[in-house]
Protein backbone atom coordinates (compact mmCIF):
# COMPACT_ATOMS: atom_id res chain seq x y z
CA MET A 1 20.69 -14.30 -3.15
CA ILE A 2 18.05 -12.88 -5.52
CA THR A 3 17.39 -9.50 -6.11
CA ILE A 4 14.00 -7.89 -6.65
CA ASN A 5 14.26 -7.37 -10.37
CA GLU A 6 15.14 -10.86 -10.57
CA PHE A 7 12.29 -12.32 -8.55
CA ARG A 8 10.24 -9.83 -10.84
CA GLU A 9 11.36 -11.69 -14.15
CA LEU A 10 10.60 -15.23 -13.06
CA ASP A 11 7.30 -16.98 -14.16
CA LEU A 12 4.82 -17.87 -11.44
CA ASP A 13 6.31 -21.08 -10.89
CA GLY A 14 9.72 -19.30 -10.02
CA LYS A 15 7.91 -17.30 -7.59
CA ILE A 16 6.50 -20.20 -6.05
CA THR A 17 9.96 -21.51 -5.84
CA GLU A 18 11.92 -18.87 -4.29
CA VAL A 19 8.99 -18.25 -1.85
CA LYS A 20 9.85 -21.50 -0.50
CA ASP A 21 13.09 -20.23 0.86
CA ALA A 22 11.75 -16.62 1.89
CA VAL A 23 10.68 -15.89 5.73
CA TYR A 24 7.07 -15.74 6.64
CA LEU A 25 5.47 -12.80 8.18
CA SER A 26 1.77 -12.54 8.12
CA GLU A 27 -1.21 -13.17 6.01
CA ARG A 28 -4.75 -11.41 5.49
CA ILE A 29 -8.01 -11.58 3.55
CA ASP A 30 -9.18 -9.32 1.22
CA ASP A 31 -12.54 -10.77 -0.39
CA LEU A 32 -11.69 -14.12 -1.98
CA LEU A 33 -7.94 -13.58 -1.80
CA LEU A 34 -5.97 -15.11 0.76
CA ILE A 35 -2.56 -12.57 0.91
CA ARG A 36 0.79 -14.11 2.38
CA LEU A 37 3.67 -11.40 3.01
CA TYR A 38 7.19 -13.10 3.23
CA ARG A 39 10.67 -11.38 3.55
CA LEU A 40 13.02 -12.51 0.77
CA SER A 41 16.75 -11.53 0.26
CA GLY A 42 16.16 -7.99 1.51
CA PHE A 43 12.58 -7.26 0.24
CA TYR A 44 9.13 -8.08 0.61
CA VAL A 45 6.67 -10.27 -1.48
CA GLU A 46 2.89 -10.73 -1.51
CA SER A 47 1.62 -14.21 -2.56
CA PHE A 48 -2.22 -13.91 -3.56
CA SER A 49 -4.07 -17.28 -3.44
CA GLU A 50 -7.51 -17.76 -4.42
CA LEU A 51 -9.63 -18.74 -2.10
CA PRO A 52 -11.26 -21.49 -0.82
CA ALA A 53 -8.76 -23.09 -3.19
CA ASP A 54 -5.95 -21.65 -1.57
CA ARG A 55 -3.92 -21.75 -5.47
CA VAL A 56 -1.32 -19.13 -5.82
CA VAL A 57 -2.24 -16.83 -8.83
CA HIS A 58 -0.02 -13.77 -8.34
CA PHE A 59 3.02 -12.10 -6.92
CA ILE A 60 3.96 -8.73 -5.74
CA ALA A 61 7.89 -7.81 -5.29
CA PHE A 62 8.35 -4.29 -3.28
CA GLU A 63 10.84 -2.62 -0.98
CA SER A 64 8.76 0.26 0.31
CA ASN A 65 7.64 -0.51 4.25
CA ASP A 66 4.51 1.78 3.61
CA LEU A 67 3.25 -1.01 1.80
CA LEU A 68 3.26 -2.99 4.99
CA LEU A 69 0.36 -0.90 6.37
CA PRO A 70 -2.26 -3.26 5.70
CA TYR A 71 -0.42 -6.09 8.04
CA ILE A 72 0.03 -3.52 10.73
CA ILE A 73 -2.99 -1.69 11.32
CA PRO A 74 -6.41 -4.19 10.63
CA GLN A 75 -8.73 -3.02 8.27
CA LYS A 76 -11.43 -1.94 10.61
CA ILE A 77 -9.26 0.60 12.27
CA ARG A 78 -8.13 2.16 8.66
CA GLN A 79 -11.69 2.53 7.36
């Protein structure tokens, strides 16, 4: 089981490999990015992919439930 700090230390390819074993939860679109949310070993991971190519360019790993808000409340309501 990988820890959040170990995940953060991985390069992009290592993070892509680890996320393959994660539980997919949701996704959202923000401008030209497709952001997917995963649950991995007790923490959350967001993958950021450029559209339209759907190429992963970045990851953010976090533990706070507060950062789940964009997936729970649609953006139109938050504005």
